[in-house]
N, C-alpha and C. Protein backbone atom coordinates (compact mmCIF):
# COMPACT_ATOMS: atom_id res chain seq x y z
N MET A 1 51.12 56.59 -86.71
CA MET A 1 51.55 56.31 -88.06
C MET A 1 51.26 54.84 -88.34
N SER A 2 50.56 54.58 -89.40
CA SER A 2 50.23 53.21 -89.77
C SER A 2 51.30 52.66 -90.72
N ASP A 3 51.21 51.36 -91.01
CA ASP A 3 52.16 50.80 -91.97
C ASP A 3 52.00 51.45 -93.34
N THR A 4 50.79 51.83 -93.71
CA THR A 4 50.57 52.53 -94.98
C THR A 4 51.29 53.87 -94.99
N ASN A 5 51.17 54.64 -93.89
CA ASN A 5 51.89 55.91 -93.77
C ASN A 5 53.40 55.69 -93.84
N PHE A 6 53.86 54.68 -93.13
CA PHE A 6 55.29 54.40 -93.11
C PHE A 6 55.80 54.07 -94.51
N LEU A 7 55.07 53.25 -95.25
CA LEU A 7 55.50 52.87 -96.59
C LEU A 7 55.52 54.07 -97.53
N GLN A 8 54.62 55.02 -97.33
CA GLN A 8 54.66 56.26 -98.11
C GLN A 8 55.95 57.03 -97.81
N LEU A 9 56.30 57.12 -96.54
CA LEU A 9 57.56 57.76 -96.14
C LEU A 9 58.74 57.04 -96.77
N TRP A 10 58.73 55.73 -96.72
CA TRP A 10 59.82 54.92 -97.25
C TRP A 10 60.04 55.20 -98.73
N ARG A 11 58.97 55.33 -99.48
CA ARG A 11 59.09 55.56 -100.92
C ARG A 11 59.79 56.89 -101.23
N HIS A 12 59.73 57.84 -100.32
CA HIS A 12 60.35 59.15 -100.53
C HIS A 12 61.76 59.23 -99.95
N ALA A 13 62.18 58.23 -99.23
CA ALA A 13 63.49 58.25 -98.57
C ALA A 13 64.60 57.94 -99.57
N ASN A 14 65.76 58.46 -99.30
CA ASN A 14 66.95 58.17 -100.08
C ASN A 14 67.25 56.68 -100.00
N SER A 15 67.76 56.10 -101.06
CA SER A 15 68.04 54.66 -101.08
C SER A 15 69.11 54.24 -100.08
N ASN A 16 69.90 55.18 -99.58
CA ASN A 16 70.92 54.87 -98.58
C ASN A 16 70.44 55.11 -97.16
N THR A 17 69.18 55.46 -97.01
CA THR A 17 68.63 55.81 -95.70
C THR A 17 68.26 54.56 -94.91
N ASN A 18 68.63 54.57 -93.65
CA ASN A 18 68.14 53.57 -92.70
C ASN A 18 67.18 54.29 -91.78
N ILE A 19 66.12 53.62 -91.40
CA ILE A 19 65.09 54.23 -90.57
C ILE A 19 64.98 53.45 -89.26
N ILE A 20 64.85 54.18 -88.17
CA ILE A 20 64.64 53.57 -86.86
C ILE A 20 63.26 54.00 -86.39
N VAL A 21 62.41 53.03 -86.12
CA VAL A 21 61.04 53.31 -85.70
C VAL A 21 60.97 53.17 -84.18
N VAL A 22 60.55 54.23 -83.50
CA VAL A 22 60.46 54.21 -82.05
C VAL A 22 59.08 54.66 -81.59
N HIS A 23 58.83 54.49 -80.34
CA HIS A 23 57.59 54.90 -79.67
C HIS A 23 56.37 54.11 -80.11
N LEU A 24 56.57 52.91 -80.61
CA LEU A 24 55.43 52.04 -80.91
C LEU A 24 54.89 51.49 -79.60
N GLU A 25 53.61 51.35 -79.51
CA GLU A 25 52.95 50.73 -78.36
C GLU A 25 53.19 51.50 -77.06
N THR A 26 53.52 52.78 -77.13
CA THR A 26 53.80 53.52 -75.90
C THR A 26 52.72 54.51 -75.53
N VAL A 27 51.98 55.01 -76.49
CA VAL A 27 50.90 55.95 -76.21
C VAL A 27 49.63 55.47 -76.89
N ASN A 28 48.49 55.89 -76.39
CA ASN A 28 47.24 55.31 -76.86
C ASN A 28 46.92 55.58 -78.33
N HIS A 29 47.54 56.58 -78.97
CA HIS A 29 47.24 56.81 -80.38
C HIS A 29 48.06 55.92 -81.32
N CYS A 30 48.99 55.15 -80.80
CA CYS A 30 49.76 54.21 -81.62
C CYS A 30 49.00 52.90 -81.72
N ARG A 31 48.28 52.74 -82.77
CA ARG A 31 47.46 51.54 -82.94
C ARG A 31 48.22 50.41 -83.64
N GLN A 32 49.39 50.70 -84.13
CA GLN A 32 50.19 49.72 -84.85
C GLN A 32 51.19 49.10 -83.90
N SER A 33 51.20 47.80 -83.80
CA SER A 33 52.17 47.14 -82.93
C SER A 33 53.49 46.94 -83.68
N ARG A 34 54.52 46.66 -82.95
CA ARG A 34 55.81 46.36 -83.57
C ARG A 34 55.67 45.17 -84.52
N ASP A 35 54.98 44.14 -84.05
CA ASP A 35 54.83 42.94 -84.88
C ASP A 35 54.08 43.22 -86.18
N GLN A 36 53.05 44.05 -86.11
CA GLN A 36 52.29 44.39 -87.32
C GLN A 36 53.16 45.16 -88.31
N LEU A 37 53.90 46.14 -87.82
CA LEU A 37 54.76 46.91 -88.71
C LEU A 37 55.88 46.03 -89.26
N ARG A 38 56.46 45.23 -88.41
CA ARG A 38 57.53 44.32 -88.85
C ARG A 38 57.04 43.42 -89.97
N GLN A 39 55.83 42.90 -89.84
CA GLN A 39 55.26 42.03 -90.88
C GLN A 39 55.04 42.79 -92.18
N ALA A 40 54.54 44.01 -92.08
CA ALA A 40 54.32 44.83 -93.28
C ALA A 40 55.64 45.11 -94.00
N LEU A 41 56.70 45.36 -93.23
CA LEU A 41 58.02 45.61 -93.82
C LEU A 41 58.57 44.36 -94.49
N GLU A 42 58.37 43.22 -93.86
CA GLU A 42 58.81 41.96 -94.46
C GLU A 42 58.05 41.69 -95.75
N ASP A 43 56.75 41.96 -95.75
CA ASP A 43 55.92 41.76 -96.95
C ASP A 43 56.41 42.61 -98.12
N GLN A 44 56.96 43.79 -97.81
CA GLN A 44 57.46 44.70 -98.84
C GLN A 44 58.94 44.46 -99.17
N GLY A 45 59.59 43.57 -98.43
CA GLY A 45 60.99 43.26 -98.68
C GLY A 45 61.96 44.33 -98.24
N ILE A 46 61.58 45.14 -97.25
CA ILE A 46 62.46 46.23 -96.81
C ILE A 46 62.82 46.15 -95.33
N SER A 47 62.55 45.03 -94.71
CA SER A 47 62.80 44.92 -93.26
C SER A 47 64.28 44.99 -92.90
N ASN A 48 65.17 44.75 -93.85
CA ASN A 48 66.60 44.80 -93.55
C ASN A 48 67.13 46.22 -93.39
N ARG A 49 66.36 47.24 -93.78
CA ARG A 49 66.82 48.62 -93.67
C ARG A 49 66.03 49.43 -92.66
N VAL A 50 65.13 48.78 -91.97
CA VAL A 50 64.31 49.47 -90.96
C VAL A 50 64.52 48.76 -89.63
N HIS A 51 64.84 49.52 -88.62
CA HIS A 51 65.11 48.96 -87.30
C HIS A 51 63.96 49.31 -86.36
N ILE A 52 63.44 48.31 -85.70
CA ILE A 52 62.37 48.50 -84.71
C ILE A 52 62.90 47.95 -83.40
N PRO A 53 63.53 48.79 -82.61
CA PRO A 53 64.15 48.29 -81.38
C PRO A 53 63.12 47.87 -80.34
N ALA A 54 63.49 46.91 -79.54
CA ALA A 54 62.66 46.47 -78.41
C ALA A 54 62.77 47.51 -77.30
N ASP A 55 61.85 47.47 -76.36
CA ASP A 55 61.92 48.38 -75.22
C ASP A 55 63.28 48.24 -74.54
N GLY A 56 63.96 49.35 -74.33
CA GLY A 56 65.24 49.35 -73.65
C GLY A 56 66.44 49.02 -74.54
N GLU A 57 66.20 48.63 -75.77
CA GLU A 57 67.29 48.28 -76.67
C GLU A 57 68.00 49.55 -77.17
N SER A 58 69.30 49.49 -77.29
CA SER A 58 70.09 50.60 -77.84
C SER A 58 70.56 50.23 -79.23
N ILE A 59 70.62 51.23 -80.09
CA ILE A 59 71.14 51.04 -81.44
C ILE A 59 72.30 52.00 -81.63
N ARG A 60 73.42 51.48 -82.05
CA ARG A 60 74.60 52.31 -82.26
C ARG A 60 74.63 52.76 -83.72
N LEU A 61 74.74 54.06 -83.91
CA LEU A 61 74.79 54.64 -85.25
C LEU A 61 76.22 55.01 -85.59
N GLY A 62 76.53 54.97 -86.85
CA GLY A 62 77.88 55.33 -87.29
C GLY A 62 78.82 54.15 -87.23
N THR A 63 80.10 54.45 -87.22
CA THR A 63 81.10 53.38 -87.23
C THR A 63 81.64 53.09 -85.87
């Protein structure tokens, strides 16, 4: 999934939706790095609602 594909998904998501992007840089068909996607999200002003965890990082959902 490229940043262009991701932004298309984002446009269709509910405004209350948070997205967690995983499996970047883990298999050979992932050509988009975390840094590249992070930059694309910042350029679009939506990086505060998209989480790109580091390897081994846990994200707690809910309250």
